[in-house]
């Protein structure tokens, strides 16, 4: 039997919590990525995107808005992660899809 949507969302957040904030922060600092600290919401979004990738979930506009239903400026925050080359935007016909940059985040995927 499969998971319900609420159980799946809970599993994504549990997987994101397994990612050590400081290991990810230090890794990003070594890559010269600044202004992305563990206390920022954008950092949390990055952790959830990594968790979604680990669980083999698609990272597109539908799933991201489902995971973060009340997030203000969500697409601006995703754009900021794209500016830092952490995620890559792939435009689909009726949706956006993001791919995590494996060269930069390979240790966490």
N, C-alpha and C. Protein backbone atom coordinates (compact mmCIF):
# COMPACT_ATOMS: atom_id res chain seq x y z
N UNK A 1 0.85 -1.18 0.00
CA UNK A 1 0.00 0.00 0.00
C UNK A 1 0.89 1.24 0.00
N UNK A 2 0.51 2.24 -0.75
CA UNK A 2 1.30 3.46 -0.88
C UNK A 2 1.08 4.43 0.26
N UNK A 3 1.81 5.50 0.19
CA UNK A 3 1.71 6.55 1.20
C UNK A 3 0.64 7.55 0.80
N UNK A 4 -0.01 8.14 1.81
CA UNK A 4 -0.92 9.25 1.52
C UNK A 4 -0.07 10.49 1.28
N UNK A 5 -0.69 11.54 0.78
CA UNK A 5 0.04 12.77 0.51
C UNK A 5 0.61 13.38 1.78
N UNK A 6 -0.15 13.33 2.86
CA UNK A 6 0.35 13.87 4.13
C UNK A 6 1.54 13.07 4.65
N UNK A 7 1.48 11.76 4.51
CA UNK A 7 2.60 10.91 4.94
C UNK A 7 3.83 11.17 4.08
N UNK A 8 3.62 11.39 2.80
CA UNK A 8 4.73 11.68 1.90
C UNK A 8 5.38 13.02 2.25
N UNK A 9 4.55 14.02 2.53
CA UNK A 9 5.08 15.33 2.91
C UNK A 9 5.88 15.21 4.21
N UNK A 10 5.35 14.45 5.17
CA UNK A 10 6.05 14.23 6.44
C UNK A 10 7.39 13.54 6.20
N UNK A 11 7.41 12.58 5.29
CA UNK A 11 8.64 11.86 4.98
C UNK A 11 9.68 12.77 4.34
N UNK A 12 9.23 13.70 3.50
CA UNK A 12 10.15 14.66 2.88
C UNK A 12 10.78 15.52 3.97
N UNK A 13 9.97 16.03 4.90
CA UNK A 13 10.51 16.86 5.97
C UNK A 13 11.45 16.07 6.89
N UNK A 14 11.12 14.80 7.15
CA UNK A 14 12.01 13.96 7.96
C UNK A 14 13.35 13.76 7.27
N UNK A 15 13.32 13.55 5.96
CA UNK A 15 14.56 13.37 5.20
C UNK A 15 15.37 14.66 5.20
N UNK A 16 14.69 15.81 5.13
CA UNK A 16 15.39 17.10 5.17
C UNK A 16 16.05 17.32 6.52
N UNK A 17 15.42 16.85 7.59
CA UNK A 17 16.00 17.02 8.92
C UNK A 17 17.25 16.17 9.11
N UNK A 18 17.42 15.12 8.33
CA UNK A 18 18.61 14.28 8.42
C UNK A 18 19.86 14.99 7.90
N UNK A 19 19.66 16.03 7.11
CA UNK A 19 20.79 16.77 6.54
C UNK A 19 21.33 17.71 7.61
N UNK A 20 22.57 17.55 7.94
CA UNK A 20 23.20 18.39 8.96
C UNK A 20 23.38 19.81 8.43
N UNK A 21 22.79 20.78 9.14
CA UNK A 21 22.84 22.18 8.71
C UNK A 21 24.28 22.66 8.53
N UNK A 22 25.12 22.36 9.51
CA UNK A 22 26.47 22.92 9.48
C UNK A 22 27.35 22.26 8.43
N UNK A 23 27.14 20.98 8.17
CA UNK A 23 27.90 20.34 7.10
C UNK A 23 27.54 20.95 5.75
N UNK A 24 26.25 21.18 5.53
CA UNK A 24 25.81 21.80 4.29
C UNK A 24 26.31 23.24 4.20
N UNK A 25 26.24 23.96 5.31
CA UNK A 25 26.71 25.35 5.34
C UNK A 25 28.20 25.43 5.02
N UNK A 26 29.00 24.59 5.66
CA UNK A 26 30.45 24.59 5.41
C UNK A 26 30.74 24.20 3.97
N UNK A 27 30.00 23.23 3.46
CA UNK A 27 30.17 22.82 2.06
C UNK A 27 29.89 24.00 1.12
N UNK A 28 28.83 24.74 1.39
CA UNK A 28 28.50 25.90 0.55
C UNK A 28 29.55 26.99 0.68
N UNK A 29 30.08 27.18 1.88
CA UNK A 29 31.13 28.19 2.07
C UNK A 29 32.39 27.82 1.30
N UNK A 30 32.73 26.54 1.28
CA UNK A 30 33.90 26.10 0.52
C UNK A 30 33.73 26.35 -0.98
N UNK A 31 32.48 26.34 -1.42
CA UNK A 31 32.19 26.61 -2.83
C UNK A 31 32.07 28.11 -3.11
N UNK A 32 32.37 28.92 -2.09
CA UNK A 32 32.31 30.38 -2.19
C UNK A 32 30.88 30.90 -2.39
N UNK A 33 29.90 30.15 -1.86
CA UNK A 33 28.51 30.60 -1.91
C UNK A 33 28.21 31.32 -0.62
N UNK A 34 27.95 32.60 -0.72
CA UNK A 34 27.75 33.45 0.45
C UNK A 34 26.26 33.75 0.65
N UNK A 35 25.97 34.32 1.77
CA UNK A 35 24.64 34.79 2.13
C UNK A 35 23.58 33.69 2.09
N UNK A 36 23.97 32.51 2.50
CA UNK A 36 23.04 31.40 2.61
C UNK A 36 23.37 30.66 3.91
N UNK A 37 22.75 31.11 4.99
CA UNK A 37 23.05 30.58 6.32
C UNK A 37 21.89 29.71 6.81
N UNK A 38 22.14 28.82 7.77
CA UNK A 38 21.10 27.91 8.25
C UNK A 38 19.86 28.58 8.83
N UNK A 39 19.96 29.82 9.24
CA UNK A 39 18.78 30.47 9.81
C UNK A 39 17.88 31.12 8.75
N UNK A 40 18.25 31.05 7.50
CA UNK A 40 17.44 31.62 6.43
C UNK A 40 16.44 30.60 5.89
N UNK A 41 15.30 31.07 5.47
CA UNK A 41 14.27 30.20 4.91
C UNK A 41 14.75 29.57 3.59
N UNK A 42 15.55 30.29 2.82
CA UNK A 42 16.06 29.76 1.56
C UNK A 42 16.94 28.53 1.80
N UNK A 43 17.68 28.54 2.89
CA UNK A 43 18.52 27.39 3.26
C UNK A 43 17.64 26.17 3.53
N UNK A 44 16.54 26.40 4.25
CA UNK A 44 15.59 25.32 4.55
C UNK A 44 14.97 24.78 3.26
N UNK A 45 14.65 25.66 2.33
CA UNK A 45 14.09 25.24 1.05
C UNK A 45 15.09 24.37 0.30
N UNK A 46 16.36 24.75 0.33
CA UNK A 46 17.40 23.94 -0.32
C UNK A 46 17.47 22.55 0.31
N UNK A 47 17.39 22.46 1.63
CA UNK A 47 17.42 21.16 2.30
C UNK A 47 16.24 20.29 1.88
N UNK A 48 15.07 20.90 1.75
CA UNK A 48 13.88 20.14 1.34
C UNK A 48 14.02 19.68 -0.12
N UNK A 49 14.60 20.53 -0.96
CA UNK A 49 14.81 20.13 -2.36
C UNK A 49 15.78 18.94 -2.44
N UNK A 50 16.81 18.96 -1.61
CA UNK A 50 17.75 17.83 -1.57
C UNK A 50 17.02 16.57 -1.10
N UNK A 51 16.15 16.72 -0.09
CA UNK A 51 15.38 15.58 0.41
C UNK A 51 14.44 15.04 -0.67
N UNK A 52 13.83 15.93 -1.43
CA UNK A 52 12.95 15.48 -2.52
C UNK A 52 13.75 14.70 -3.55
N UNK A 53 14.94 15.16 -3.85
CA UNK A 53 15.80 14.46 -4.82
C UNK A 53 16.20 13.09 -4.30
N UNK A 54 16.51 13.01 -3.00
CA UNK A 54 16.87 11.72 -2.40
C UNK A 54 15.71 10.72 -2.46
N UNK A 55 14.49 11.24 -2.35
CA UNK A 55 13.30 10.38 -2.38
C UNK A 55 12.78 10.17 -3.80
N UNK A 56 13.53 10.67 -4.78
CA UNK A 56 13.19 10.52 -6.20
C UNK A 56 11.85 11.16 -6.56
N UNK A 57 11.54 12.28 -5.92
CA UNK A 57 10.34 13.03 -6.26
C UNK A 57 10.69 14.09 -7.30
N UNK A 58 9.80 14.37 -8.22
CA UNK A 58 10.09 15.43 -9.19
C UNK A 58 10.08 16.79 -8.50
N UNK A 59 10.99 17.64 -8.90
CA UNK A 59 11.04 18.99 -8.35
C UNK A 59 10.50 19.92 -9.42
N UNK A 60 9.19 20.13 -9.39
CA UNK A 60 8.56 21.02 -10.36
C UNK A 60 7.63 21.98 -9.63
N UNK A 61 7.01 22.87 -10.36
CA UNK A 61 6.20 23.90 -9.71
C UNK A 61 5.04 23.30 -8.92
N UNK A 62 4.48 22.20 -9.37
CA UNK A 62 3.37 21.59 -8.64
C UNK A 62 3.81 20.99 -7.31
N UNK A 63 4.90 20.23 -7.31
CA UNK A 63 5.33 19.59 -6.07
C UNK A 63 5.91 20.61 -5.09
N UNK A 64 6.58 21.62 -5.60
CA UNK A 64 7.18 22.62 -4.70
C UNK A 64 6.08 23.43 -4.01
N UNK A 65 5.05 23.82 -4.75
CA UNK A 65 3.96 24.57 -4.10
C UNK A 65 3.14 23.66 -3.19
N UNK A 66 3.14 22.36 -3.43
CA UNK A 66 2.47 21.43 -2.53
C UNK A 66 3.25 21.29 -1.23
N UNK A 67 4.58 21.22 -1.31
CA UNK A 67 5.41 21.10 -0.11
C UNK A 67 5.38 22.39 0.70
N UNK A 68 5.39 23.54 0.03
CA UNK A 68 5.41 24.85 0.69
C UNK A 68 4.15 25.63 0.33
N UNK A 69 2.98 25.25 0.85
CA UNK A 69 1.73 25.89 0.41
C UNK A 69 1.59 27.35 0.82
N UNK A 70 2.18 27.75 1.93
CA UNK A 70 2.01 29.12 2.43
C UNK A 70 3.27 29.95 2.32
N UNK A 71 4.21 29.52 1.52
CA UNK A 71 5.49 30.22 1.41
C UNK A 71 5.34 31.43 0.50
N UNK A 72 5.64 32.60 1.06
CA UNK A 72 5.61 33.82 0.28
C UNK A 72 6.89 33.93 -0.53
N UNK A 73 6.78 34.42 -1.73
CA UNK A 73 7.93 34.63 -2.62
C UNK A 73 8.72 33.35 -2.86
N UNK A 74 8.04 32.23 -2.93
CA UNK A 74 8.71 30.94 -3.11
C UNK A 74 9.53 30.92 -4.39
N UNK A 75 8.95 31.39 -5.48
CA UNK A 75 9.67 31.32 -6.75
C UNK A 75 10.83 32.31 -6.78
N UNK A 76 10.74 33.40 -6.04
CA UNK A 76 11.89 34.31 -5.92
C UNK A 76 13.03 33.62 -5.18
N UNK A 77 12.71 32.86 -4.14
CA UNK A 77 13.74 32.14 -3.39
C UNK A 77 14.37 31.05 -4.25
N UNK A 78 13.56 30.38 -5.05
CA UNK A 78 14.11 29.39 -5.97
C UNK A 78 14.98 30.07 -7.02
N UNK A 79 14.58 31.25 -7.46
CA UNK A 79 15.39 32.01 -8.42
C UNK A 79 16.74 32.38 -7.79
N UNK A 80 16.73 32.75 -6.51
CA UNK A 80 17.99 33.06 -5.82
C UNK A 80 18.91 31.84 -5.75
N UNK A 81 18.33 30.66 -5.50
CA UNK A 81 19.14 29.44 -5.50
C UNK A 81 19.68 29.16 -6.89
N UNK A 82 18.91 29.50 -7.91
CA UNK A 82 19.39 29.36 -9.28
C UNK A 82 20.51 30.33 -9.60
N UNK A 83 20.42 31.55 -9.07
CA UNK A 83 21.48 32.53 -9.27
C UNK A 83 22.80 32.06 -8.67
N UNK A 84 22.71 31.26 -7.61
CA UNK A 84 23.91 30.72 -6.97
C UNK A 84 24.35 29.41 -7.62
N UNK A 85 23.67 29.02 -8.70
CA UNK A 85 23.97 27.81 -9.49
C UNK A 85 23.77 26.52 -8.70
N UNK A 86 22.92 26.57 -7.66
CA UNK A 86 22.64 25.36 -6.89
C UNK A 86 21.53 24.54 -7.55
N UNK A 87 20.60 25.22 -8.21
CA UNK A 87 19.55 24.54 -8.96
C UNK A 87 19.52 25.10 -10.37
N UNK A 88 19.05 24.29 -11.29
CA UNK A 88 18.98 24.68 -12.70
C UNK A 88 17.52 24.59 -13.12
N UNK A 89 17.01 25.65 -13.72
CA UNK A 89 15.62 25.69 -14.16
C UNK A 89 15.51 25.08 -15.55
N UNK A 90 14.58 24.15 -15.67
CA UNK A 90 14.23 23.56 -16.97
C UNK A 90 12.78 23.90 -17.22
N UNK A 91 12.51 24.66 -18.26
CA UNK A 91 11.12 25.01 -18.55
C UNK A 91 10.45 23.88 -19.31
N UNK A 92 9.32 23.47 -18.80
CA UNK A 92 8.50 22.47 -19.48
C UNK A 92 7.35 23.21 -20.14
N UNK A 93 6.49 22.48 -20.82
CA UNK A 93 5.42 23.12 -21.57
C UNK A 93 4.47 23.90 -20.67
N UNK A 94 4.02 23.31 -19.58
CA UNK A 94 3.06 24.00 -18.71
C UNK A 94 3.53 24.12 -17.27
N UNK A 95 4.77 23.84 -17.02
CA UNK A 95 5.27 23.89 -15.65
C UNK A 95 6.76 24.19 -15.67
N UNK A 96 7.30 24.51 -14.52
CA UNK A 96 8.74 24.66 -14.35
C UNK A 96 9.27 23.41 -13.67
N UNK A 97 10.48 23.05 -14.00
CA UNK A 97 11.14 21.93 -13.33
C UNK A 97 12.55 22.37 -12.97
N UNK A 98 12.99 22.00 -11.77
CA UNK A 98 14.33 22.35 -11.32
C UNK A 98 15.14 21.08 -11.14
N UNK A 99 16.42 21.20 -11.44
CA UNK A 99 17.36 20.10 -11.27
C UNK A 99 18.44 20.59 -10.32
N UNK A 100 18.76 19.79 -9.31
CA UNK A 100 19.84 20.16 -8.40
C UNK A 100 21.17 19.97 -9.12
N UNK A 101 22.06 20.91 -8.92
CA UNK A 101 23.37 20.86 -9.57
C UNK A 101 24.23 19.80 -8.89
N UNK A 102 24.43 18.68 -9.57
CA UNK A 102 25.16 17.56 -8.98
C UNK A 102 26.64 17.86 -8.78
N UNK A 103 27.19 18.76 -9.58
CA UNK A 103 28.60 19.11 -9.41
C UNK A 103 28.84 19.82 -8.08
N UNK A 104 27.89 20.65 -7.68
CA UNK A 104 28.05 21.40 -6.44
C UNK A 104 27.50 20.66 -5.23
N UNK A 105 26.41 19.93 -5.40
CA UNK A 105 25.74 19.30 -4.26
C UNK A 105 25.87 17.78 -4.26
N UNK A 106 26.81 17.24 -5.01
CA UNK A 106 26.94 15.80 -5.16
C UNK A 106 27.07 15.04 -3.85
N UNK A 107 27.74 15.61 -2.86
CA UNK A 107 27.93 14.91 -1.58
C UNK A 107 26.62 14.75 -0.82
N UNK A 108 25.64 15.59 -1.10
CA UNK A 108 24.38 15.57 -0.35
C UNK A 108 23.26 14.86 -1.10
N UNK A 109 23.49 14.51 -2.35
CA UNK A 109 22.45 13.85 -3.13
C UNK A 109 22.59 12.39 -2.97
